[in-house]
Amino acid sequence: MDALQLYSSQLEQLLAEFAEQAPLQKNTFFVVGCSTSEVIGEQIGTAGVIEVGESLFRPLQQFAKKHEIFLAFQGCEHINRALTVERRAAEHFGLESLSVYPTRKAGGSMSAYAYEQLEDAVVVEQLVAHAGIDIGQTLIGMHLKAVAVPIRTSIRQVGEAMTTAATTRPKLIGGVRAKYRS
């Protein structure tokens, strides 16, 4: 198995375990942050590889179709972590599209590849996702709902990149008299 197939396989396993632990709500956003530099063992933002983005896009796209969710690909700091999404998702949630588009050097290889592959892709400044995955410590937390809950899988890395997966839950507010649904 070559490196690209390995990355794809690792991500497929991680996503399968994620779905077993945290059922996904249809028509919600799943944010993906990914440093392809970190995947190949380099420092974030230094060696982006479009082919790595391609190898990871396929399992993400299959995951999204299977669970009927929208993918949102977080760009790098050079586009203020703006997100690449399909126009229909942006319109569904009333999100304003931006004039920027991600490139390998400004947005990152994963976002740039997704922009070319998604149906009628646009970039939005922010959104609120119900779940997501961070491959390579790209800091997706700013795009998750307020209470993130980590999901632990047997896959701790994709390639050389550390992974963190999270779902979210509603806030528990109130006090000792409050009652909550599980």
N, C-alpha and C. Protein backbone atom coordinates (compact mmCIF):
# COMPACT_ATOMS: atom_id res chain seq x y z
N MET A 1 0.86 -1.18 0.00
CA MET A 1 0.00 0.00 0.00
C MET A 1 0.91 1.24 0.00
N ASP A 2 0.66 2.15 -0.94
CA ASP A 2 1.48 3.36 -0.96
C ASP A 2 0.96 4.35 0.08
N ALA A 3 1.71 5.44 0.29
CA ALA A 3 1.39 6.41 1.34
C ALA A 3 0.01 7.02 1.15
N LEU A 4 -0.36 7.40 -0.06
CA LEU A 4 -1.66 8.03 -0.28
C LEU A 4 -2.80 7.08 0.04
N GLN A 5 -2.65 5.81 -0.32
CA GLN A 5 -3.67 4.81 0.01
C GLN A 5 -3.75 4.62 1.52
N LEU A 6 -2.60 4.66 2.19
CA LEU A 6 -2.58 4.52 3.65
C LEU A 6 -3.34 5.66 4.30
N TYR A 7 -3.10 6.90 3.87
CA TYR A 7 -3.80 8.05 4.46
C TYR A 7 -5.30 7.90 4.28
N SER A 8 -5.71 7.51 3.08
CA SER A 8 -7.12 7.32 2.79
C SER A 8 -7.73 6.24 3.68
N SER A 9 -7.02 5.13 3.81
CA SER A 9 -7.48 4.02 4.63
C SER A 9 -7.59 4.41 6.11
N GLN A 10 -6.60 5.14 6.60
CA GLN A 10 -6.64 5.59 7.99
C GLN A 10 -7.84 6.49 8.23
N LEU A 11 -8.09 7.40 7.31
CA LEU A 11 -9.22 8.31 7.46
C LEU A 11 -10.55 7.57 7.37
N GLU A 12 -10.66 6.62 6.46
CA GLU A 12 -11.89 5.81 6.37
C GLU A 12 -12.19 5.13 7.70
N GLN A 13 -11.18 4.53 8.31
CA GLN A 13 -11.36 3.85 9.60
C GLN A 13 -11.77 4.84 10.68
N LEU A 14 -11.11 5.98 10.73
CA LEU A 14 -11.43 7.00 11.73
C LEU A 14 -12.89 7.45 11.58
N LEU A 15 -13.30 7.72 10.36
CA LEU A 15 -14.67 8.19 10.12
C LEU A 15 -15.71 7.12 10.46
N ALA A 16 -15.41 5.86 10.16
CA ALA A 16 -16.32 4.76 10.51
C ALA A 16 -16.49 4.67 12.02
N GLU A 17 -15.39 4.76 12.75
CA GLU A 17 -15.46 4.71 14.21
C GLU A 17 -16.18 5.94 14.77
N PHE A 18 -15.96 7.07 14.15
CA PHE A 18 -16.65 8.30 14.56
C PHE A 18 -18.17 8.08 14.48
N ALA A 19 -18.63 7.62 13.33
CA ALA A 19 -20.07 7.44 13.11
C ALA A 19 -20.68 6.42 14.07
N GLU A 20 -19.91 5.41 14.46
CA GLU A 20 -20.40 4.44 15.44
C GLU A 20 -20.64 5.08 16.79
N GLN A 21 -19.81 6.02 17.16
CA GLN A 21 -19.88 6.64 18.49
C GLN A 21 -20.79 7.85 18.55
N ALA A 22 -20.91 8.55 17.43
CA ALA A 22 -21.66 9.81 17.43
C ALA A 22 -22.52 9.90 16.19
N PRO A 23 -23.76 9.44 16.28
CA PRO A 23 -24.65 9.54 15.12
C PRO A 23 -24.73 10.98 14.63
N LEU A 24 -24.72 11.14 13.33
CA LEU A 24 -24.71 12.47 12.74
C LEU A 24 -26.12 12.89 12.35
N GLN A 25 -26.43 14.14 12.62
CA GLN A 25 -27.73 14.69 12.26
C GLN A 25 -27.70 15.11 10.80
N LYS A 26 -28.68 14.68 10.03
CA LYS A 26 -28.74 15.02 8.61
C LYS A 26 -28.78 16.53 8.40
N ASN A 27 -28.23 16.94 7.26
CA ASN A 27 -28.24 18.35 6.83
C ASN A 27 -27.57 19.28 7.82
N THR A 28 -26.51 18.80 8.47
CA THR A 28 -25.69 19.65 9.33
C THR A 28 -24.28 19.69 8.76
N PHE A 29 -23.49 20.63 9.25
CA PHE A 29 -22.12 20.75 8.78
C PHE A 29 -21.17 19.87 9.57
N PHE A 30 -20.23 19.28 8.86
CA PHE A 30 -19.10 18.53 9.41
C PHE A 30 -17.86 19.28 8.93
N VAL A 31 -17.16 19.95 9.84
CA VAL A 31 -16.02 20.77 9.46
C VAL A 31 -14.76 19.90 9.41
N VAL A 32 -13.94 20.15 8.40
CA VAL A 32 -12.69 19.42 8.20
C VAL A 32 -11.55 20.42 8.16
N GLY A 33 -10.65 20.28 9.10
CA GLY A 33 -9.41 21.04 9.07
C GLY A 33 -8.30 20.06 8.76
N CYS A 34 -7.43 20.38 7.82
CA CYS A 34 -6.40 19.42 7.44
C CYS A 34 -5.15 20.13 6.95
N SER A 35 -4.04 19.79 7.59
CA SER A 35 -2.73 20.23 7.10
C SER A 35 -2.11 19.07 6.35
N THR A 36 -2.06 19.17 5.03
CA THR A 36 -1.41 18.10 4.26
C THR A 36 0.09 18.09 4.55
N SER A 37 0.65 19.22 4.94
CA SER A 37 2.06 19.27 5.35
C SER A 37 2.28 18.35 6.55
N GLU A 38 1.42 18.46 7.55
CA GLU A 38 1.54 17.63 8.75
C GLU A 38 1.35 16.16 8.42
N VAL A 39 0.44 15.85 7.50
CA VAL A 39 0.21 14.46 7.12
C VAL A 39 1.50 13.82 6.61
N ILE A 40 2.29 14.58 5.85
CA ILE A 40 3.53 14.02 5.30
C ILE A 40 4.73 14.21 6.23
N GLY A 41 4.48 14.71 7.45
CA GLY A 41 5.54 14.82 8.43
C GLY A 41 6.29 16.13 8.45
N GLU A 42 5.73 17.15 7.79
CA GLU A 42 6.36 18.47 7.77
C GLU A 42 5.57 19.43 8.65
N GLN A 43 6.14 20.58 8.92
CA GLN A 43 5.48 21.59 9.74
C GLN A 43 4.29 22.19 9.00
N ILE A 44 3.22 22.41 9.72
CA ILE A 44 2.00 22.98 9.15
C ILE A 44 2.33 24.22 8.31
N GLY A 45 1.75 24.29 7.13
CA GLY A 45 1.90 25.44 6.26
C GLY A 45 3.19 25.52 5.46
N THR A 46 3.97 24.44 5.44
CA THR A 46 5.27 24.52 4.77
C THR A 46 5.42 23.66 3.53
N ALA A 47 4.60 22.63 3.39
CA ALA A 47 4.85 21.68 2.30
C ALA A 47 3.56 21.06 1.78
N GLY A 48 2.50 21.86 1.62
CA GLY A 48 1.21 21.35 1.19
C GLY A 48 1.28 20.55 -0.10
N VAL A 49 0.50 19.46 -0.12
CA VAL A 49 0.51 18.55 -1.26
C VAL A 49 -0.93 18.29 -1.70
N ILE A 50 -1.26 18.74 -2.90
CA ILE A 50 -2.62 18.57 -3.44
C ILE A 50 -3.00 17.09 -3.48
N GLU A 51 -2.07 16.20 -3.85
CA GLU A 51 -2.37 14.76 -3.95
C GLU A 51 -2.79 14.18 -2.60
N VAL A 52 -2.25 14.70 -1.51
CA VAL A 52 -2.68 14.25 -0.18
C VAL A 52 -4.12 14.70 0.04
N GLY A 53 -4.43 15.94 -0.32
CA GLY A 53 -5.81 16.42 -0.21
C GLY A 53 -6.77 15.55 -1.01
N GLU A 54 -6.33 15.16 -2.20
CA GLU A 54 -7.15 14.29 -3.04
C GLU A 54 -7.39 12.95 -2.37
N SER A 55 -6.36 12.37 -1.77
CA SER A 55 -6.51 11.05 -1.14
C SER A 55 -7.44 11.09 0.06
N LEU A 56 -7.53 12.24 0.72
CA LEU A 56 -8.40 12.38 1.88
C LEU A 56 -9.80 12.85 1.51
N PHE A 57 -9.94 13.51 0.38
CA PHE A 57 -11.24 14.02 -0.04
C PHE A 57 -12.23 12.88 -0.31
N ARG A 58 -11.77 11.84 -0.98
CA ARG A 58 -12.68 10.75 -1.36
C ARG A 58 -13.39 10.12 -0.15
N PRO A 59 -12.67 9.70 0.90
CA PRO A 59 -13.40 9.13 2.04
C PRO A 59 -14.30 10.14 2.74
N LEU A 60 -13.90 11.40 2.75
CA LEU A 60 -14.75 12.43 3.35
C LEU A 60 -16.03 12.61 2.55
N GLN A 61 -15.91 12.63 1.24
CA GLN A 61 -17.09 12.78 0.38
C GLN A 61 -18.03 11.58 0.54
N GLN A 62 -17.49 10.37 0.59
CA GLN A 62 -18.32 9.17 0.79
C GLN A 62 -19.03 9.22 2.14
N PHE A 63 -18.31 9.64 3.17
CA PHE A 63 -18.85 9.78 4.52
C PHE A 63 -20.02 10.78 4.51
N ALA A 64 -19.83 11.91 3.85
CA ALA A 64 -20.87 12.94 3.79
C ALA A 64 -22.12 12.43 3.07
N LYS A 65 -21.92 11.74 1.96
CA LYS A 65 -23.07 11.21 1.22
C LYS A 65 -23.82 10.17 2.04
N LYS A 66 -23.08 9.28 2.67
CA LYS A 66 -23.70 8.23 3.46
C LYS A 66 -24.55 8.80 4.60
N HIS A 67 -24.07 9.84 5.24
CA HIS A 67 -24.75 10.40 6.41
C HIS A 67 -25.58 11.64 6.10
N GLU A 68 -25.62 12.02 4.82
CA GLU A 68 -26.42 13.16 4.36
C GLU A 68 -26.08 14.44 5.13
N ILE A 69 -24.78 14.73 5.18
CA ILE A 69 -24.30 15.93 5.85
C ILE A 69 -23.54 16.80 4.85
N PHE A 70 -23.31 18.03 5.23
CA PHE A 70 -22.55 18.97 4.41
C PHE A 70 -21.12 19.04 4.93
N LEU A 71 -20.15 18.98 4.03
CA LEU A 71 -18.75 19.16 4.41
C LEU A 71 -18.39 20.63 4.33
N ALA A 72 -17.54 21.06 5.25
CA ALA A 72 -17.00 22.42 5.26
C ALA A 72 -15.50 22.29 5.47
N PHE A 73 -14.71 22.70 4.50
CA PHE A 73 -13.26 22.56 4.55
C PHE A 73 -12.64 23.88 5.01
N GLN A 74 -12.05 23.84 6.19
CA GLN A 74 -11.45 25.05 6.76
C GLN A 74 -10.14 25.37 6.05
N GLY A 75 -10.02 26.62 5.64
CA GLY A 75 -8.77 27.09 5.04
C GLY A 75 -7.78 27.49 6.12
N CYS A 76 -6.59 27.80 5.72
CA CYS A 76 -5.54 28.17 6.67
C CYS A 76 -5.69 29.63 7.10
N GLU A 77 -4.77 30.04 7.95
CA GLU A 77 -4.82 31.39 8.51
C GLU A 77 -4.71 32.49 7.46
N HIS A 78 -4.14 32.19 6.30
CA HIS A 78 -3.97 33.21 5.27
C HIS A 78 -5.28 33.65 4.63
N ILE A 79 -6.34 32.88 4.84
CA ILE A 79 -7.69 33.33 4.45
C ILE A 79 -8.59 33.33 5.68
N ASN A 80 -7.96 33.58 6.83
CA ASN A 80 -8.67 33.70 8.11
C ASN A 80 -9.54 32.50 8.45
N ARG A 81 -9.08 31.32 8.05
CA ARG A 81 -9.77 30.06 8.33
C ARG A 81 -11.19 30.02 7.74
N ALA A 82 -11.38 30.75 6.65
CA ALA A 82 -12.66 30.71 5.94
C ALA A 82 -12.90 29.28 5.44
N LEU A 83 -14.14 28.97 5.12
CA LEU A 83 -14.54 27.59 4.83
C LEU A 83 -15.06 27.43 3.41
N THR A 84 -14.65 26.35 2.79
CA THR A 84 -15.11 25.99 1.45
C THR A 84 -16.30 25.04 1.61
N VAL A 85 -17.43 25.40 1.01
CA VAL A 85 -18.65 24.61 1.10
C VAL A 85 -19.34 24.63 -0.27
N GLU A 86 -20.33 23.77 -0.43
CA GLU A 86 -21.15 23.82 -1.64
C GLU A 86 -22.12 24.99 -1.52
N ARG A 87 -22.36 25.65 -2.64
CA ARG A 87 -23.26 26.81 -2.65
C ARG A 87 -24.64 26.45 -2.06
N ARG A 88 -25.15 25.26 -2.39
CA ARG A 88 -26.48 24.90 -1.88
C ARG A 88 -26.49 24.84 -0.35
N ALA A 89 -25.38 24.43 0.27
CA ALA A 89 -25.29 24.41 1.73
C ALA A 89 -25.25 25.84 2.27
N ALA A 90 -24.45 26.68 1.62
CA ALA A 90 -24.37 28.08 2.05
C ALA A 90 -25.75 28.75 1.97
N GLU A 91 -26.45 28.50 0.88
CA GLU A 91 -27.77 29.10 0.71
C GLU A 91 -28.76 28.53 1.72
N HIS A 92 -28.69 27.23 1.98
CA HIS A 92 -29.58 26.57 2.94
C HIS A 92 -29.46 27.23 4.32
N PHE A 93 -28.24 27.61 4.70
CA PHE A 93 -28.01 28.20 6.02
C PHE A 93 -27.91 29.72 5.99
N GLY A 94 -28.17 30.33 4.84
CA GLY A 94 -28.14 31.78 4.73
C GLY A 94 -26.75 32.38 4.93
N LEU A 95 -25.73 31.67 4.46
CA LEU A 95 -24.35 32.14 4.62
C LEU A 95 -23.93 32.95 3.40
N GLU A 96 -23.28 34.05 3.64
CA GLU A 96 -22.81 34.93 2.57
C GLU A 96 -21.49 34.40 2.01
N SER A 97 -21.41 34.29 0.69
CA SER A 97 -20.17 33.83 0.08
C SER A 97 -19.20 34.99 -0.08
N LEU A 98 -17.93 34.65 -0.07
CA LEU A 98 -16.84 35.63 -0.19
C LEU A 98 -16.27 35.57 -1.60
N SER A 99 -15.47 36.56 -1.96
CA SER A 99 -14.87 36.56 -3.29
C SER A 99 -13.56 35.77 -3.33
N VAL A 100 -12.99 35.43 -2.19
CA VAL A 100 -11.74 34.67 -2.15
C VAL A 100 -11.99 33.21 -2.51
N TYR A 101 -10.96 32.55 -2.98
CA TYR A 101 -11.01 31.10 -3.13
C TYR A 101 -9.66 30.55 -2.66
N PRO A 102 -9.65 29.33 -2.12
CA PRO A 102 -8.41 28.79 -1.56
C PRO A 102 -7.45 28.30 -2.64
N THR A 103 -6.18 28.49 -2.37
CA THR A 103 -5.10 27.95 -3.19
C THR A 103 -4.16 27.18 -2.27
N ARG A 104 -3.23 26.48 -2.83
CA ARG A 104 -2.29 25.70 -2.02
C ARG A 104 -1.55 26.61 -1.04
N LYS A 105 -1.20 27.81 -1.44
CA LYS A 105 -0.42 28.72 -0.59
C LYS A 105 -1.28 29.64 0.29
N ALA A 106 -2.54 29.79 -0.02
CA ALA A 106 -3.44 30.64 0.77
C ALA A 106 -4.78 29.92 0.88
N GLY A 107 -4.89 29.12 1.87
CA GLY A 107 -6.09 28.31 2.07
C GLY A 107 -5.71 26.88 2.37
N GLY A 108 -4.66 26.42 1.69
CA GLY A 108 -4.15 25.07 1.92
C GLY A 108 -4.60 24.09 0.86
N SER A 109 -3.82 23.03 0.74
CA SER A 109 -4.06 22.02 -0.30
C SER A 109 -5.40 21.32 -0.16
N MET A 110 -5.81 21.02 1.07
CA MET A 110 -7.09 20.32 1.26
C MET A 110 -8.24 21.20 0.81
N SER A 111 -8.26 22.44 1.26
CA SER A 111 -9.33 23.37 0.86
C SER A 111 -9.30 23.64 -0.63
N ALA A 112 -8.10 23.82 -1.18
CA ALA A 112 -7.98 24.09 -2.62
C ALA A 112 -8.50 22.92 -3.43
N TYR A 113 -8.16 21.71 -3.02
CA TYR A 113 -8.66 20.54 -3.75
C TYR A 113 -10.18 20.45 -3.62
N ALA A 114 -10.69 20.64 -2.41
CA ALA A 114 -12.14 20.58 -2.20
C ALA A 114 -12.87 21.62 -3.04
N TYR A 115 -12.29 22.81 -3.14
CA TYR A 115 -12.91 23.88 -3.93
C TYR A 115 -13.11 23.45 -5.38
N GLU A 116 -12.16 22.72 -5.90
CA GLU A 116 -12.24 22.25 -7.29
C GLU A 116 -13.19 21.06 -7.45
N GLN A 117 -13.42 20.30 -6.39
CA GLN A 117 -14.20 19.07 -6.49
C GLN A 117 -15.66 19.21 -6.06
N LEU A 118 -15.94 20.09 -5.10
CA LEU A 118 -17.31 20.25 -4.63
C LEU A 118 -18.18 20.83 -5.74
N GLU A 119 -19.44 20.46 -5.71
CA GLU A 119 -20.37 20.99 -6.69
C GLU A 119 -20.65 22.46 -6.39
N ASP A 120 -20.26 23.35 -7.31
CA ASP A 120 -20.50 24.79 -7.19
C ASP A 120 -20.00 25.32 -5.84
N ALA A 121 -18.71 25.19 -5.61
CA ALA A 121 -18.12 25.59 -4.34
C ALA A 121 -18.07 27.09 -4.16
N VAL A 122 -18.24 27.50 -2.91
CA VAL A 122 -18.07 28.89 -2.50
C VAL A 122 -17.30 28.88 -1.18
N VAL A 123 -16.80 30.05 -0.80
CA VAL A 123 -16.10 30.20 0.47
C VAL A 123 -16.93 31.13 1.35
N VAL A 124 -17.10 30.72 2.61
CA VAL A 124 -17.85 31.52 3.58
C VAL A 124 -16.93 31.84 4.75
N GLU A 125 -17.24 32.93 5.43
CA GLU A 125 -16.36 33.38 6.52
C GLU A 125 -16.47 32.52 7.77
N GLN A 126 -17.68 32.13 8.10
CA GLN A 126 -17.87 31.34 9.32
C GLN A 126 -19.16 30.54 9.23
N LEU A 127 -19.23 29.52 10.06
CA LEU A 127 -20.43 28.71 10.20
C LEU A 127 -20.36 28.00 11.53
N VAL A 128 -21.43 27.30 11.86
CA VAL A 128 -21.48 26.55 13.12
C VAL A 128 -21.73 25.09 12.77
N ALA A 129 -20.71 24.26 12.98
CA ALA A 129 -20.80 22.84 12.64
C ALA A 129 -21.19 22.02 13.86
N HIS A 130 -21.87 20.91 13.61
CA HIS A 130 -22.27 19.99 14.67
C HIS A 130 -21.16 18.99 15.01
N ALA A 131 -20.19 18.84 14.11
CA ALA A 131 -19.12 17.87 14.34
C ALA A 131 -17.98 18.20 13.39
N GLY A 132 -16.85 17.51 13.62
CA GLY A 132 -15.74 17.75 12.71
C GLY A 132 -14.52 16.93 13.06
N ILE A 133 -13.51 17.09 12.21
CA ILE A 133 -12.24 16.41 12.39
C ILE A 133 -11.12 17.39 12.08
N ASP A 134 -10.10 17.33 12.91
CA ASP A 134 -8.93 18.17 12.75
C ASP A 134 -7.74 17.25 12.50
N ILE A 135 -7.15 17.38 11.34
CA ILE A 135 -6.00 16.55 10.95
C ILE A 135 -4.79 17.47 10.90
N GLY A 136 -3.95 17.38 11.92
CA GLY A 136 -2.74 18.19 11.93
C GLY A 136 -2.82 19.47 12.73
N GLN A 137 -3.67 19.50 13.72
CA GLN A 137 -3.78 20.63 14.65
C GLN A 137 -4.05 21.96 13.93
N THR A 138 -5.09 21.97 13.13
CA THR A 138 -5.47 23.18 12.39
C THR A 138 -6.46 24.06 13.16
N LEU A 139 -6.91 23.60 14.31
CA LEU A 139 -7.75 24.39 15.22
C LEU A 139 -9.13 24.70 14.65
N ILE A 140 -9.96 23.66 14.50
CA ILE A 140 -11.31 23.82 13.96
C ILE A 140 -12.33 24.30 14.98
N GLY A 141 -11.93 24.40 16.23
CA GLY A 141 -12.88 24.71 17.30
C GLY A 141 -13.70 25.96 17.08
N MET A 142 -13.16 26.93 16.38
CA MET A 142 -13.89 28.17 16.14
C MET A 142 -15.12 27.97 15.26
N HIS A 143 -15.21 26.80 14.62
CA HIS A 143 -16.34 26.52 13.74
C HIS A 143 -17.28 25.46 14.29
N LEU A 144 -17.08 25.05 15.54
CA LEU A 144 -17.96 24.06 16.17
C LEU A 144 -18.96 24.75 17.09
N LYS A 145 -20.10 24.10 17.29
CA LYS A 145 -21.07 24.58 18.27
C LYS A 145 -20.38 24.71 19.63
N ALA A 146 -21.01 25.44 20.53
CA ALA A 146 -20.38 25.85 21.79
C ALA A 146 -19.85 24.72 22.67
N VAL A 147 -20.50 23.57 22.71
CA VAL A 147 -20.03 22.51 23.60
C VAL A 147 -19.52 21.34 22.77
N ALA A 148 -18.21 21.29 22.60
CA ALA A 148 -17.58 20.21 21.83
C ALA A 148 -17.32 19.01 22.74
N VAL A 149 -17.53 17.83 22.18
CA VAL A 149 -17.30 16.58 22.91
C VAL A 149 -16.32 15.75 22.08
N PRO A 150 -15.14 15.43 22.66
CA PRO A 150 -14.17 14.66 21.88
C PRO A 150 -14.66 13.25 21.57
N ILE A 151 -14.29 12.77 20.40
CA ILE A 151 -14.57 11.40 19.99
C ILE A 151 -13.23 10.69 19.89
N ARG A 152 -13.08 9.61 20.61
CA ARG A 152 -11.83 8.85 20.61
C ARG A 152 -11.97 7.67 19.66
N THR A 153 -11.00 7.56 18.76
CA THR A 153 -10.98 6.42 17.84
C THR A 153 -9.63 5.73 17.95
N SER A 154 -9.53 4.58 17.34
CA SER A 154 -8.25 3.86 17.35
C SER A 154 -7.23 4.53 16.45
N ILE A 155 -7.69 5.39 15.56
CA ILE A 155 -6.80 6.10 14.65
C ILE A 155 -6.45 7.44 15.28
N ARG A 156 -5.20 7.57 15.73
CA ARG A 156 -4.75 8.80 16.40
C ARG A 156 -4.00 9.72 15.45
N GLN A 157 -3.64 9.18 14.29
CA GLN A 157 -2.91 9.96 13.29
C GLN A 157 -3.35 9.55 11.90
N VAL A 158 -3.31 10.50 10.98
CA VAL A 158 -3.41 10.21 9.56
C VAL A 158 -2.05 10.59 9.01
N GLY A 159 -1.35 9.60 8.50
CA GLY A 159 0.05 9.83 8.16
C GLY A 159 0.77 10.20 9.43
N GLU A 160 1.48 11.32 9.41
CA GLU A 160 2.19 11.80 10.59
C GLU A 160 1.41 12.85 11.37
N ALA A 161 0.22 13.21 10.90
CA ALA A 161 -0.58 14.27 11.52
C ALA A 161 -1.44 13.74 12.65
N MET A 162 -1.36 14.40 13.80
CA MET A 162 -2.25 14.07 14.91
C MET A 162 -3.68 14.41 14.50
N THR A 163 -4.63 13.59 14.97
CA THR A 163 -6.04 13.86 14.66
C THR A 163 -6.83 14.09 15.93
N THR A 164 -7.82 14.93 15.81
CA THR A 164 -8.78 15.16 16.88
C THR A 164 -10.14 15.20 16.21
N ALA A 165 -11.08 14.45 16.76
CA ALA A 165 -12.44 14.42 16.23
C ALA A 165 -13.38 14.87 17.35
N ALA A 166 -14.46 15.55 16.96
CA ALA A 166 -15.39 16.03 17.95
C ALA A 166 -16.80 16.08 17.40
N THR A 167 -17.73 15.83 18.29
CA THR A 167 -19.13 16.10 18.03
C THR A 167 -19.51 17.23 18.98
N THR A 168 -20.74 17.63 18.99
CA THR A 168 -21.17 18.68 19.91
C THR A 168 -22.46 18.25 20.58
N ARG A 169 -22.81 18.94 21.64
CA ARG A 169 -24.08 18.70 22.32
C ARG A 169 -24.66 20.04 22.73
N PRO A 170 -25.96 20.08 23.00
CA PRO A 170 -26.55 21.33 23.50
C PRO A 170 -25.96 21.69 24.87
N LYS A 171 -25.97 22.96 25.19
CA LYS A 171 -25.51 23.42 26.50
C LYS A 171 -26.44 22.88 27.58
N LEU A 172 -25.87 22.55 28.72
CA LEU A 172 -26.66 22.17 29.89
C LEU A 172 -26.71 23.41 30.79
N ILE A 173 -27.86 24.06 30.81
CA ILE A 173 -27.98 25.26 31.62
C ILE A 173 -28.97 25.01 32.74
N GLY A 174 -28.95 25.82 33.73
CA GLY A 174 -29.87 25.66 34.84
C GLY A 174 -29.11 25.43 36.12
N GLY A 175 -29.58 24.57 36.91
CA GLY A 175 -28.95 24.30 38.20
C GLY A 175 -29.41 22.95 38.72
N VAL A 176 -29.40 22.80 40.03
CA VAL A 176 -29.73 21.52 40.64
C VAL A 176 -31.16 21.08 40.35
N ARG A 177 -32.05 21.99 40.03
CA ARG A 177 -33.45 21.65 39.76
C ARG A 177 -33.71 21.35 38.28
N ALA A 178 -32.74 21.67 37.43
CA ALA A 178 -32.92 21.50 35.98
C ALA A 178 -32.95 20.01 35.61
N LYS A 179 -33.70 19.71 34.58
CA LYS A 179 -33.80 18.35 34.04
C LYS A 179 -33.29 18.39 32.60
N TYR A 180 -32.61 17.33 32.16
CA TYR A 180 -32.02 17.31 30.84
C TYR A 180 -32.41 16.03 30.11
N ARG A 181 -32.48 16.13 28.76
CA ARG A 181 -32.63 14.94 27.93
C ARG A 181 -31.24 14.40 27.67
N SER A 182 -31.12 13.10 27.60
CA SER A 182 -29.79 12.53 27.34
C SER A 182 -29.46 12.53 25.88
